[in-house]
Amino acid sequence: MTLFRLDASIFPATSAGAEIADIVSDRWIEAHPGETVVRRHLGTAPLPAEAWADATVGAATPEADRTPAQREALALAASLADELKGADAVVLAVPLYNYGVSQHFKTWTDLVITAAGPTDPVLKDVPTVLVTTKGGGYGPGTPREGWDHSTPYLRRVLADMWGADLTVIERELTLAATNPQLEPLRPLAAELHGKALDAAYTAGKALAGK
């Protein structure tokens, strides 16, 4: 069996998402000792920003006429899609940046779609846990309600396009401990942190049993 783990934080040493995703991954590893774990960290090893354009144009170009960059980008896209297709379980830690997903994650997504096509459910029925973290608060009644343009996109791609059996763990107010403007919300932030950790243990056990 194979677990695919993806991280997208540009601050790996202090990643709030990694803390939660580690709990989920560890439960799977404990239940499947010796099995394969494939890891990809888009924050520390970002994909080339130009790869998606090269792969897209290359796919529409006769093979004999493709540039070396186009061939390399198409090979990269195929390898990324194969990583997903070979997974029996998936864990992703994807933070909210500037109200959306980072360019690193978007490049990865676009390359997978380029290789697999927009209608190929590369994660059909694969148990998948998405951990998404947000520095502020975006719930109903907050000043930033409706500004989270990341989570709906992630659900659309992972569940609706790729067919994943998706569980989402969200943690908000991750910056409350360090941002003076969010100091009044620190008790709530601590509560949300605890709930996210509990949800991670529950999701990890469920993932391990599938």
N, C-alpha and C. Protein backbone atom coordinates (compact mmCIF):
# COMPACT_ATOMS: atom_id res chain seq x y z
N MET A 1 0.84 -1.19 0.00
CA MET A 1 0.00 0.00 0.00
C MET A 1 0.88 1.25 0.00
N THR A 2 0.31 2.34 -0.47
CA THR A 2 1.07 3.58 -0.59
C THR A 2 0.28 4.76 -0.05
N LEU A 3 0.95 5.54 0.82
CA LEU A 3 0.41 6.81 1.29
C LEU A 3 1.11 7.93 0.55
N PHE A 4 0.34 8.86 -0.02
CA PHE A 4 0.91 10.05 -0.65
C PHE A 4 0.66 11.23 0.26
N ARG A 5 1.73 11.92 0.64
CA ARG A 5 1.64 13.08 1.53
C ARG A 5 2.20 14.30 0.82
N LEU A 6 1.41 15.36 0.79
CA LEU A 6 1.82 16.60 0.16
C LEU A 6 1.72 17.74 1.16
N ASP A 7 2.75 18.57 1.21
CA ASP A 7 2.76 19.79 2.02
C ASP A 7 3.00 20.99 1.12
N ALA A 8 2.43 22.13 1.50
CA ALA A 8 2.57 23.31 0.65
C ALA A 8 2.98 24.56 1.42
N SER A 9 3.30 24.44 2.70
CA SER A 9 3.68 25.62 3.47
C SER A 9 5.06 26.12 3.05
N ILE A 10 5.22 27.45 2.99
CA ILE A 10 6.52 28.02 2.71
C ILE A 10 7.31 28.23 4.01
N PHE A 11 6.71 27.86 5.14
CA PHE A 11 7.36 27.93 6.44
C PHE A 11 7.33 26.55 7.10
N PRO A 12 8.08 25.61 6.56
CA PRO A 12 7.96 24.22 7.03
C PRO A 12 8.29 24.04 8.51
N ALA A 13 9.19 24.84 9.06
CA ALA A 13 9.58 24.66 10.45
C ALA A 13 8.48 25.04 11.43
N THR A 14 7.56 25.90 11.00
CA THR A 14 6.49 26.35 11.89
C THR A 14 5.11 26.09 11.29
N SER A 15 5.01 25.16 10.39
CA SER A 15 3.76 24.92 9.67
C SER A 15 2.66 24.38 10.59
N ALA A 16 1.58 25.12 10.70
CA ALA A 16 0.44 24.66 11.49
C ALA A 16 -0.23 23.47 10.81
N GLY A 17 -0.24 23.46 9.51
CA GLY A 17 -0.85 22.35 8.78
C GLY A 17 -0.06 21.07 8.92
N ALA A 18 1.27 21.17 8.94
CA ALA A 18 2.11 19.98 9.07
C ALA A 18 1.87 19.29 10.40
N GLU A 19 1.69 20.07 11.46
CA GLU A 19 1.42 19.48 12.77
C GLU A 19 0.19 18.58 12.73
N ILE A 20 -0.85 19.05 12.08
CA ILE A 20 -2.09 18.29 12.00
C ILE A 20 -1.94 17.11 11.04
N ALA A 21 -1.32 17.37 9.89
CA ALA A 21 -1.14 16.31 8.90
C ALA A 21 -0.24 15.20 9.43
N ASP A 22 0.75 15.56 10.27
CA ASP A 22 1.62 14.54 10.85
C ASP A 22 0.82 13.54 11.69
N ILE A 23 -0.14 14.05 12.43
CA ILE A 23 -0.97 13.16 13.24
C ILE A 23 -1.73 12.18 12.36
N VAL A 24 -2.30 12.68 11.29
CA VAL A 24 -3.05 11.82 10.37
C VAL A 24 -2.13 10.79 9.74
N SER A 25 -1.00 11.26 9.22
CA SER A 25 -0.06 10.35 8.55
C SER A 25 0.47 9.30 9.51
N ASP A 26 0.79 9.71 10.73
CA ASP A 26 1.36 8.77 11.70
C ASP A 26 0.39 7.64 12.02
N ARG A 27 -0.90 7.94 12.07
CA ARG A 27 -1.88 6.88 12.34
C ARG A 27 -1.87 5.85 11.20
N TRP A 28 -1.76 6.34 9.97
CA TRP A 28 -1.72 5.42 8.81
C TRP A 28 -0.45 4.58 8.85
N ILE A 29 0.67 5.22 9.13
CA ILE A 29 1.95 4.51 9.15
C ILE A 29 1.98 3.46 10.26
N GLU A 30 1.42 3.79 11.41
CA GLU A 30 1.36 2.83 12.50
C GLU A 30 0.55 1.59 12.12
N ALA A 31 -0.51 1.81 11.34
CA ALA A 31 -1.38 0.70 10.94
C ALA A 31 -0.81 -0.08 9.76
N HIS A 32 0.14 0.52 9.04
CA HIS A 32 0.71 -0.13 7.85
C HIS A 32 2.24 -0.06 7.89
N PRO A 33 2.85 -0.68 8.90
CA PRO A 33 4.32 -0.59 9.02
C PRO A 33 5.02 -1.19 7.82
N GLY A 34 6.04 -0.49 7.38
CA GLY A 34 6.82 -0.98 6.26
C GLY A 34 6.26 -0.65 4.89
N GLU A 35 5.08 -0.08 4.86
CA GLU A 35 4.48 0.26 3.56
C GLU A 35 5.08 1.58 3.02
N THR A 36 4.83 1.85 1.76
CA THR A 36 5.46 2.97 1.08
C THR A 36 4.79 4.30 1.42
N VAL A 37 5.60 5.30 1.71
CA VAL A 37 5.12 6.67 1.90
C VAL A 37 5.83 7.56 0.89
N VAL A 38 5.08 8.17 0.02
CA VAL A 38 5.62 9.10 -0.99
C VAL A 38 5.33 10.51 -0.51
N ARG A 39 6.37 11.33 -0.41
CA ARG A 39 6.19 12.69 0.09
C ARG A 39 6.61 13.71 -0.97
N ARG A 40 5.86 14.79 -1.01
CA ARG A 40 6.20 15.90 -1.90
C ARG A 40 5.94 17.19 -1.14
N HIS A 41 6.96 18.04 -1.05
CA HIS A 41 6.82 19.31 -0.34
C HIS A 41 6.96 20.45 -1.34
N LEU A 42 5.85 21.07 -1.66
CA LEU A 42 5.84 22.13 -2.67
C LEU A 42 6.41 23.43 -2.15
N GLY A 43 6.47 23.59 -0.81
CA GLY A 43 7.03 24.81 -0.26
C GLY A 43 8.54 24.83 -0.30
N THR A 44 9.17 23.70 0.02
CA THR A 44 10.62 23.63 0.04
C THR A 44 11.20 23.19 -1.29
N ALA A 45 10.41 22.51 -2.10
CA ALA A 45 10.86 22.06 -3.42
C ALA A 45 9.78 22.41 -4.44
N PRO A 46 9.60 23.71 -4.72
CA PRO A 46 8.53 24.12 -5.63
C PRO A 46 8.77 23.64 -7.05
N LEU A 47 7.67 23.40 -7.73
CA LEU A 47 7.75 23.03 -9.14
C LEU A 47 8.04 24.27 -9.98
N PRO A 48 8.68 24.11 -11.12
CA PRO A 48 8.98 25.28 -11.96
C PRO A 48 7.71 26.01 -12.38
N ALA A 49 7.68 27.30 -12.17
CA ALA A 49 6.48 28.08 -12.46
C ALA A 49 6.08 28.01 -13.93
N GLU A 50 7.07 27.84 -14.80
CA GLU A 50 6.77 27.81 -16.23
C GLU A 50 6.38 26.43 -16.73
N ALA A 51 6.42 25.42 -15.86
CA ALA A 51 6.20 24.05 -16.31
C ALA A 51 4.79 23.84 -16.85
N TRP A 52 3.80 24.47 -16.22
CA TRP A 52 2.43 24.24 -16.68
C TRP A 52 2.23 24.77 -18.09
N ALA A 53 2.72 25.98 -18.36
CA ALA A 53 2.58 26.53 -19.71
C ALA A 53 3.31 25.66 -20.73
N ASP A 54 4.52 25.22 -20.38
CA ASP A 54 5.27 24.36 -21.30
C ASP A 54 4.54 23.05 -21.55
N ALA A 55 3.97 22.47 -20.50
CA ALA A 55 3.25 21.20 -20.66
C ALA A 55 1.98 21.38 -21.47
N THR A 56 1.26 22.47 -21.23
CA THR A 56 0.01 22.71 -21.95
C THR A 56 0.27 22.94 -23.44
N VAL A 57 1.25 23.78 -23.75
CA VAL A 57 1.56 24.03 -25.15
C VAL A 57 2.17 22.78 -25.79
N GLY A 58 3.00 22.09 -25.03
CA GLY A 58 3.62 20.88 -25.55
C GLY A 58 2.61 19.80 -25.87
N ALA A 59 1.57 19.68 -25.05
CA ALA A 59 0.55 18.67 -25.30
C ALA A 59 -0.19 18.91 -26.60
N ALA A 60 -0.24 20.17 -27.02
CA ALA A 60 -0.94 20.52 -28.27
C ALA A 60 0.01 20.60 -29.46
N THR A 61 1.27 20.22 -29.22
CA THR A 61 2.29 20.29 -30.27
C THR A 61 2.69 18.89 -30.70
N PRO A 62 2.82 18.62 -31.99
CA PRO A 62 3.29 17.30 -32.43
C PRO A 62 4.60 16.93 -31.72
N GLU A 63 4.72 15.68 -31.34
CA GLU A 63 5.86 15.24 -30.54
C GLU A 63 7.19 15.64 -31.15
N ALA A 64 7.31 15.52 -32.46
CA ALA A 64 8.58 15.83 -33.13
C ALA A 64 8.93 17.31 -33.08
N ASP A 65 7.92 18.14 -32.87
CA ASP A 65 8.15 19.58 -32.86
C ASP A 65 8.27 20.17 -31.46
N ARG A 66 8.17 19.34 -30.44
CA ARG A 66 8.24 19.86 -29.07
C ARG A 66 9.65 20.29 -28.70
N THR A 67 9.73 21.34 -27.92
CA THR A 67 11.02 21.80 -27.42
C THR A 67 11.46 20.91 -26.26
N PRO A 68 12.74 20.92 -25.92
CA PRO A 68 13.19 20.17 -24.75
C PRO A 68 12.43 20.55 -23.48
N ALA A 69 12.15 21.84 -23.32
CA ALA A 69 11.41 22.28 -22.13
C ALA A 69 10.00 21.70 -22.11
N GLN A 70 9.36 21.62 -23.25
CA GLN A 70 8.02 21.05 -23.33
C GLN A 70 8.03 19.56 -23.01
N ARG A 71 9.01 18.84 -23.51
CA ARG A 71 9.11 17.41 -23.22
C ARG A 71 9.36 17.18 -21.73
N GLU A 72 10.22 18.01 -21.14
CA GLU A 72 10.52 17.88 -19.72
C GLU A 72 9.29 18.18 -18.87
N ALA A 73 8.55 19.20 -19.25
CA ALA A 73 7.35 19.57 -18.51
C ALA A 73 6.27 18.49 -18.61
N LEU A 74 6.11 17.91 -19.77
CA LEU A 74 5.14 16.83 -19.95
C LEU A 74 5.52 15.60 -19.13
N ALA A 75 6.82 15.31 -19.08
CA ALA A 75 7.27 14.18 -18.26
C ALA A 75 7.02 14.44 -16.79
N LEU A 76 7.25 15.68 -16.35
CA LEU A 76 6.98 16.05 -14.96
C LEU A 76 5.50 15.92 -14.64
N ALA A 77 4.65 16.43 -15.53
CA ALA A 77 3.21 16.34 -15.31
C ALA A 77 2.75 14.89 -15.20
N ALA A 78 3.29 14.03 -16.06
CA ALA A 78 2.92 12.62 -16.03
C ALA A 78 3.35 11.96 -14.72
N SER A 79 4.52 12.33 -14.22
CA SER A 79 5.00 11.74 -12.98
C SER A 79 4.16 12.18 -11.80
N LEU A 80 3.70 13.42 -11.81
CA LEU A 80 2.84 13.92 -10.72
C LEU A 80 1.49 13.21 -10.72
N ALA A 81 0.92 13.03 -11.91
CA ALA A 81 -0.35 12.31 -12.01
C ALA A 81 -0.19 10.86 -11.57
N ASP A 82 0.93 10.25 -11.94
CA ASP A 82 1.17 8.86 -11.55
C ASP A 82 1.30 8.71 -10.04
N GLU A 83 1.88 9.71 -9.36
CA GLU A 83 1.98 9.67 -7.90
C GLU A 83 0.60 9.56 -7.27
N LEU A 84 -0.33 10.32 -7.79
CA LEU A 84 -1.69 10.27 -7.25
C LEU A 84 -2.38 8.96 -7.60
N LYS A 85 -2.25 8.54 -8.83
CA LYS A 85 -2.91 7.31 -9.26
C LYS A 85 -2.39 6.09 -8.51
N GLY A 86 -1.16 6.16 -8.03
CA GLY A 86 -0.59 5.04 -7.31
C GLY A 86 -0.85 5.04 -5.82
N ALA A 87 -1.58 6.04 -5.33
CA ALA A 87 -1.81 6.16 -3.89
C ALA A 87 -3.05 5.39 -3.44
N ASP A 88 -2.93 4.75 -2.29
CA ASP A 88 -4.08 4.10 -1.64
C ASP A 88 -4.70 5.00 -0.58
N ALA A 89 -3.95 6.01 -0.16
CA ALA A 89 -4.43 7.00 0.80
C ALA A 89 -3.65 8.28 0.57
N VAL A 90 -4.29 9.41 0.85
CA VAL A 90 -3.67 10.71 0.56
C VAL A 90 -3.87 11.65 1.74
N VAL A 91 -2.81 12.40 2.09
CA VAL A 91 -2.89 13.45 3.09
C VAL A 91 -2.27 14.70 2.49
N LEU A 92 -3.00 15.82 2.54
CA LEU A 92 -2.50 17.07 1.99
C LEU A 92 -2.61 18.17 3.05
N ALA A 93 -1.55 18.94 3.21
CA ALA A 93 -1.56 20.10 4.10
C ALA A 93 -1.38 21.35 3.26
N VAL A 94 -2.46 22.11 3.12
CA VAL A 94 -2.46 23.24 2.19
C VAL A 94 -2.94 24.50 2.91
N PRO A 95 -2.05 25.45 3.16
CA PRO A 95 -2.46 26.67 3.86
C PRO A 95 -3.17 27.66 2.94
N LEU A 96 -3.92 28.56 3.56
CA LEU A 96 -4.54 29.68 2.84
C LEU A 96 -3.51 30.81 2.77
N TYR A 97 -3.20 31.25 1.56
CA TYR A 97 -2.29 32.39 1.36
C TYR A 97 -3.00 33.45 0.54
N ASN A 98 -3.05 34.67 1.06
CA ASN A 98 -3.65 35.78 0.31
C ASN A 98 -5.04 35.42 -0.21
N TYR A 99 -5.79 34.73 0.66
CA TYR A 99 -7.19 34.37 0.41
C TYR A 99 -7.37 33.29 -0.64
N GLY A 100 -6.30 32.62 -1.04
CA GLY A 100 -6.42 31.54 -2.02
C GLY A 100 -5.32 30.51 -1.82
N VAL A 101 -5.15 29.63 -2.79
CA VAL A 101 -4.07 28.66 -2.74
C VAL A 101 -2.80 29.29 -3.29
N SER A 102 -1.66 28.81 -2.84
CA SER A 102 -0.39 29.36 -3.30
C SER A 102 -0.12 28.97 -4.74
N GLN A 103 0.79 29.72 -5.37
CA GLN A 103 1.18 29.38 -6.74
C GLN A 103 1.80 28.00 -6.80
N HIS A 104 2.45 27.58 -5.72
CA HIS A 104 3.09 26.26 -5.70
C HIS A 104 2.04 25.16 -5.85
N PHE A 105 0.97 25.28 -5.07
CA PHE A 105 -0.07 24.26 -5.13
C PHE A 105 -0.83 24.34 -6.45
N LYS A 106 -1.09 25.55 -6.91
CA LYS A 106 -1.83 25.72 -8.17
C LYS A 106 -1.05 25.13 -9.34
N THR A 107 0.27 25.33 -9.35
CA THR A 107 1.10 24.74 -10.41
C THR A 107 1.01 23.22 -10.38
N TRP A 108 1.08 22.65 -9.18
CA TRP A 108 0.97 21.19 -9.04
C TRP A 108 -0.37 20.70 -9.58
N THR A 109 -1.44 21.36 -9.18
CA THR A 109 -2.78 20.97 -9.62
C THR A 109 -2.90 21.06 -11.14
N ASP A 110 -2.44 22.16 -11.70
CA ASP A 110 -2.56 22.35 -13.15
C ASP A 110 -1.76 21.31 -13.92
N LEU A 111 -0.60 20.94 -13.40
CA LEU A 111 0.21 19.93 -14.08
C LEU A 111 -0.46 18.56 -14.03
N VAL A 112 -1.05 18.22 -12.90
CA VAL A 112 -1.76 16.94 -12.81
C VAL A 112 -2.92 16.92 -13.79
N ILE A 113 -3.66 18.01 -13.88
CA ILE A 113 -4.79 18.09 -14.81
C ILE A 113 -4.31 18.01 -16.25
N THR A 114 -3.17 18.64 -16.54
CA THR A 114 -2.63 18.59 -17.89
C THR A 114 -2.32 17.15 -18.30
N ALA A 115 -1.74 16.38 -17.38
CA ALA A 115 -1.37 15.00 -17.70
C ALA A 115 -2.57 14.07 -17.72
N ALA A 116 -3.44 14.21 -16.73
CA ALA A 116 -4.55 13.27 -16.58
C ALA A 116 -5.78 13.67 -17.40
N GLY A 117 -5.88 14.95 -17.71
CA GLY A 117 -7.08 15.44 -18.37
C GLY A 117 -8.08 15.94 -17.34
N PRO A 118 -8.98 16.82 -17.75
CA PRO A 118 -9.92 17.43 -16.80
C PRO A 118 -11.02 16.51 -16.33
N THR A 119 -11.18 15.36 -16.97
CA THR A 119 -12.29 14.47 -16.60
C THR A 119 -11.82 13.15 -15.98
N ASP A 120 -10.53 12.99 -15.76
CA ASP A 120 -10.00 11.75 -15.19
C ASP A 120 -10.03 11.84 -13.66
N PRO A 121 -10.84 11.02 -13.00
CA PRO A 121 -10.89 11.04 -11.53
C PRO A 121 -9.68 10.31 -10.94
N VAL A 122 -8.55 10.98 -10.88
CA VAL A 122 -7.28 10.34 -10.49
C VAL A 122 -7.30 9.83 -9.06
N LEU A 123 -8.24 10.31 -8.25
CA LEU A 123 -8.35 9.85 -6.86
C LEU A 123 -9.70 9.18 -6.60
N LYS A 124 -10.24 8.55 -7.60
CA LYS A 124 -11.56 7.94 -7.49
C LYS A 124 -11.65 7.05 -6.26
N ASP A 125 -12.49 7.46 -5.29
CA ASP A 125 -12.77 6.70 -4.07
C ASP A 125 -11.55 6.49 -3.18
N VAL A 126 -10.47 7.22 -3.41
CA VAL A 126 -9.28 7.10 -2.57
C VAL A 126 -9.50 7.93 -1.29
N PRO A 127 -9.36 7.34 -0.11
CA PRO A 127 -9.53 8.11 1.13
C PRO A 127 -8.48 9.21 1.20
N THR A 128 -8.94 10.44 1.34
CA THR A 128 -8.06 11.60 1.25
C THR A 128 -8.40 12.56 2.39
N VAL A 129 -7.39 12.98 3.11
CA VAL A 129 -7.57 13.96 4.18
C VAL A 129 -6.89 15.26 3.77
N LEU A 130 -7.66 16.33 3.71
CA LEU A 130 -7.14 17.65 3.42
C LEU A 130 -7.08 18.46 4.71
N VAL A 131 -5.90 18.94 5.04
CA VAL A 131 -5.72 19.84 6.17
C VAL A 131 -5.50 21.24 5.61
N THR A 132 -6.39 22.16 5.95
CA THR A 132 -6.24 23.52 5.46
C THR A 132 -6.22 24.48 6.65
N THR A 133 -5.21 25.35 6.67
CA THR A 133 -5.01 26.25 7.80
C THR A 133 -5.09 27.70 7.33
N LYS A 134 -5.58 28.54 8.25
CA LYS A 134 -5.82 29.95 7.90
C LYS A 134 -5.38 30.83 9.06
N GLY A 135 -4.65 31.88 8.74
CA GLY A 135 -4.13 32.75 9.78
C GLY A 135 -5.21 33.52 10.51
N GLY A 136 -6.27 33.92 9.80
CA GLY A 136 -7.36 34.68 10.39
C GLY A 136 -8.61 33.86 10.52
N GLY A 137 -9.74 34.56 10.70
CA GLY A 137 -11.03 33.90 10.83
C GLY A 137 -11.92 34.26 9.65
N TYR A 138 -12.63 33.26 9.14
CA TYR A 138 -13.44 33.45 7.94
C TYR A 138 -14.86 32.92 8.08
N GLY A 139 -15.26 32.65 9.31
CA GLY A 139 -16.58 32.07 9.55
C GLY A 139 -17.70 33.08 9.42
N PRO A 140 -18.94 32.60 9.51
CA PRO A 140 -20.10 33.49 9.40
C PRO A 140 -20.05 34.62 10.42
N GLY A 141 -20.29 35.83 9.95
CA GLY A 141 -20.32 36.98 10.83
C GLY A 141 -18.99 37.66 11.05
N THR A 142 -17.90 37.07 10.56
CA THR A 142 -16.58 37.68 10.72
C THR A 142 -16.35 38.72 9.62
N PRO A 143 -15.42 39.66 9.84
CA PRO A 143 -15.15 40.67 8.81
C PRO A 143 -14.67 40.07 7.50
N ARG A 144 -14.08 38.89 7.56
CA ARG A 144 -13.55 38.27 6.34
C ARG A 144 -14.42 37.09 5.88
N GLU A 145 -15.65 37.06 6.27
CA GLU A 145 -16.54 36.01 5.77
C GLU A 145 -16.62 36.06 4.25
N GLY A 146 -16.43 34.91 3.61
CA GLY A 146 -16.49 34.85 2.16
C GLY A 146 -15.16 35.12 1.47
N TRP A 147 -14.12 35.44 2.24
CA TRP A 147 -12.82 35.74 1.64
C TRP A 147 -11.96 34.50 1.47
N ASP A 148 -12.38 33.38 2.01
CA ASP A 148 -11.62 32.14 1.83
C ASP A 148 -11.95 31.56 0.46
N HIS A 149 -11.08 31.84 -0.49
CA HIS A 149 -11.27 31.34 -1.86
C HIS A 149 -10.45 30.07 -2.10
N SER A 150 -9.86 29.54 -1.05
CA SER A 150 -9.03 28.34 -1.16
C SER A 150 -9.83 27.07 -0.92
N THR A 151 -10.52 27.00 0.21
CA THR A 151 -11.19 25.75 0.57
C THR A 151 -12.24 25.31 -0.45
N PRO A 152 -13.09 26.20 -0.95
CA PRO A 152 -14.04 25.76 -1.99
C PRO A 152 -13.33 25.23 -3.24
N TYR A 153 -12.24 25.87 -3.62
CA TYR A 153 -11.46 25.40 -4.78
C TYR A 153 -10.89 24.01 -4.52
N LEU A 154 -10.32 23.82 -3.32
CA LEU A 154 -9.74 22.52 -2.98
C LEU A 154 -10.79 21.42 -3.01
N ARG A 155 -11.95 21.70 -2.46
CA ARG A 155 -13.04 20.71 -2.48
C ARG A 155 -13.44 20.40 -3.92
N ARG A 156 -13.53 21.43 -4.73
CA ARG A 156 -13.96 21.24 -6.12
C ARG A 156 -12.98 20.33 -6.87
N VAL A 157 -11.68 20.59 -6.70
CA VAL A 157 -10.68 19.80 -7.41
C VAL A 157 -10.60 18.38 -6.85
N LEU A 158 -10.40 18.27 -5.54
CA LEU A 158 -10.13 16.97 -4.93
C LEU A 158 -11.35 16.05 -4.97
N ALA A 159 -12.50 16.56 -4.63
CA ALA A 159 -13.69 15.71 -4.56
C ALA A 159 -14.45 15.67 -5.88
N ASP A 160 -14.76 16.84 -6.43
CA ASP A 160 -15.63 16.88 -7.60
C ASP A 160 -14.91 16.49 -8.89
N MET A 161 -13.67 16.95 -9.06
CA MET A 161 -12.93 16.61 -10.28
C MET A 161 -12.22 15.26 -10.17
N TRP A 162 -11.53 15.07 -9.04
CA TRP A 162 -10.68 13.89 -8.91
C TRP A 162 -11.35 12.74 -8.19
N GLY A 163 -12.55 12.95 -7.65
CA GLY A 163 -13.34 11.85 -7.09
C GLY A 163 -12.87 11.31 -5.76
N ALA A 164 -12.09 12.08 -5.01
CA ALA A 164 -11.57 11.60 -3.74
C ALA A 164 -12.67 11.41 -2.71
N ASP A 165 -12.48 10.42 -1.84
CA ASP A 165 -13.31 10.24 -0.65
C ASP A 165 -12.74 11.19 0.40
N LEU A 166 -13.25 12.41 0.41
CA LEU A 166 -12.57 13.53 1.05
C LEU A 166 -13.06 13.83 2.46
N THR A 167 -12.07 14.01 3.36
CA THR A 167 -12.30 14.53 4.70
C THR A 167 -11.50 15.82 4.84
N VAL A 168 -12.14 16.88 5.31
CA VAL A 168 -11.48 18.18 5.43
C VAL A 168 -11.34 18.56 6.90
N ILE A 169 -10.13 18.91 7.30
CA ILE A 169 -9.86 19.43 8.63
C ILE A 169 -9.41 20.88 8.47
N GLU A 170 -10.15 21.79 9.08
CA GLU A 170 -9.83 23.21 8.98
C GLU A 170 -9.39 23.75 10.34
N ARG A 171 -8.37 24.57 10.31
CA ARG A 171 -7.96 25.29 11.53
C ARG A 171 -7.78 26.76 11.19
N GLU A 172 -8.51 27.61 11.90
CA GLU A 172 -8.43 29.04 11.68
C GLU A 172 -7.67 29.73 12.82
N LEU A 173 -7.37 31.00 12.63
CA LEU A 173 -6.72 31.86 13.64
C LEU A 173 -5.34 31.35 14.04
N THR A 174 -4.60 30.80 13.09
CA THR A 174 -3.27 30.29 13.42
C THR A 174 -2.29 31.43 13.74
N LEU A 175 -2.60 32.66 13.36
CA LEU A 175 -1.71 33.79 13.64
C LEU A 175 -2.06 34.52 14.93
N ALA A 176 -3.07 34.04 15.63
CA ALA A 176 -3.52 34.74 16.84
C ALA A 176 -2.43 34.81 17.90
N ALA A 177 -1.59 33.79 17.98
CA ALA A 177 -0.56 33.76 19.02
C ALA A 177 0.54 34.79 18.79
N THR A 178 0.70 35.25 17.56
CA THR A 178 1.81 36.16 17.24
C THR A 178 1.36 37.53 16.73
N ASN A 179 0.09 37.67 16.39
CA ASN A 179 -0.41 38.93 15.86
C ASN A 179 -1.12 39.70 16.96
N PRO A 180 -0.60 40.86 17.38
CA PRO A 180 -1.22 41.62 18.47
C PRO A 180 -2.67 41.99 18.19
N GLN A 181 -3.01 42.21 16.94
CA GLN A 181 -4.38 42.59 16.60
C GLN A 181 -5.37 41.46 16.87
N LEU A 182 -4.86 40.23 16.91
CA LEU A 182 -5.72 39.08 17.15
C LEU A 182 -5.68 38.59 18.59
N GLU A 183 -5.02 39.36 19.45
CA GLU A 183 -4.86 38.92 20.84
C GLU A 183 -6.19 38.59 21.54
N PRO A 184 -7.26 39.38 21.34
CA PRO A 184 -8.53 39.03 21.99
C PRO A 184 -9.09 37.67 21.55
N LEU A 185 -8.62 37.18 20.42
CA LEU A 185 -9.14 35.92 19.89
C LEU A 185 -8.27 34.72 20.26
N ARG A 186 -7.28 34.92 21.10
CA ARG A 186 -6.38 33.82 21.43
C ARG A 186 -7.08 32.66 22.14
N PRO A 187 -8.00 32.90 23.06
CA PRO A 187 -8.71 31.76 23.65
C PRO A 187 -9.47 30.95 22.62
N LEU A 188 -10.13 31.64 21.69
CA LEU A 188 -10.84 30.93 20.62
C LEU A 188 -9.86 30.19 19.73
N ALA A 189 -8.72 30.80 19.44
CA ALA A 189 -7.71 30.15 18.61
C ALA A 189 -7.23 28.86 19.26
N ALA A 190 -7.03 28.90 20.57
CA ALA A 190 -6.58 27.69 21.28
C ALA A 190 -7.65 26.61 21.22
N GLU A 191 -8.90 27.02 21.32
CA GLU A 191 -10.00 26.05 21.23
C GLU A 191 -10.05 25.41 19.85
N LEU A 192 -9.91 26.23 18.82
CA LEU A 192 -9.94 25.70 17.45
C LEU A 192 -8.74 24.80 17.19
N HIS A 193 -7.60 25.13 17.77
CA HIS A 193 -6.41 24.29 17.64
C HIS A 193 -6.67 22.91 18.22
N GLY A 194 -7.23 22.89 19.41
CA GLY A 194 -7.53 21.61 20.05
C GLY A 194 -8.52 20.78 19.25
N LYS A 195 -9.54 21.43 18.72
CA LYS A 195 -10.53 20.70 17.92
C LYS A 195 -9.89 20.13 16.64
N ALA A 196 -8.97 20.89 16.04
CA ALA A 196 -8.30 20.40 14.84
C ALA A 196 -7.43 19.19 15.15
N LEU A 197 -6.75 19.20 16.29
CA LEU A 197 -5.92 18.05 16.68
C LEU A 197 -6.79 16.82 16.94
N ASP A 198 -7.91 17.03 17.60
CA ASP A 198 -8.84 15.91 17.83
C ASP A 198 -9.35 15.35 16.51
N ALA A 199 -9.70 16.26 15.60
CA ALA A 199 -10.20 15.82 14.29
C ALA A 199 -9.12 15.06 13.53
N ALA A 200 -7.86 15.44 13.73
CA ALA A 200 -6.76 14.75 13.06
C ALA A 200 -6.63 13.31 13.56
N TYR A 201 -6.72 13.11 14.85
CA TYR A 201 -6.65 11.75 15.39
C TYR A 201 -7.80 10.89 14.85
N THR A 202 -8.99 11.47 14.82
CA THR A 202 -10.14 10.74 14.31
C THR A 202 -9.98 10.41 12.83
N ALA A 203 -9.55 11.40 12.05
CA ALA A 203 -9.38 11.18 10.61
C ALA A 203 -8.25 10.21 10.34
N GLY A 204 -7.20 10.28 11.14
CA GLY A 204 -6.06 9.36 10.95
C GLY A 204 -6.45 7.93 11.19
N LYS A 205 -7.22 7.69 12.24
CA LYS A 205 -7.67 6.33 12.53
C LYS A 205 -8.58 5.81 11.41
N ALA A 206 -9.45 6.69 10.93
CA ALA A 206 -10.35 6.29 9.84
C ALA A 206 -9.57 6.01 8.57
N LEU A 207 -8.57 6.84 8.28
CA LEU A 207 -7.75 6.65 7.08
C LEU A 207 -6.99 5.33 7.18
N ALA A 208 -6.47 5.03 8.35
CA ALA A 208 -5.71 3.81 8.54
C ALA A 208 -6.55 2.57 8.37
N GLY A 209 -7.84 2.69 8.64
CA GLY A 209 -8.71 1.52 8.57
C GLY A 209 -9.32 1.28 7.22
N LYS A 210 -9.09 2.20 6.28
CA LYS A 210 -9.70 2.05 4.95
C LYS A 210 -8.75 1.34 3.99
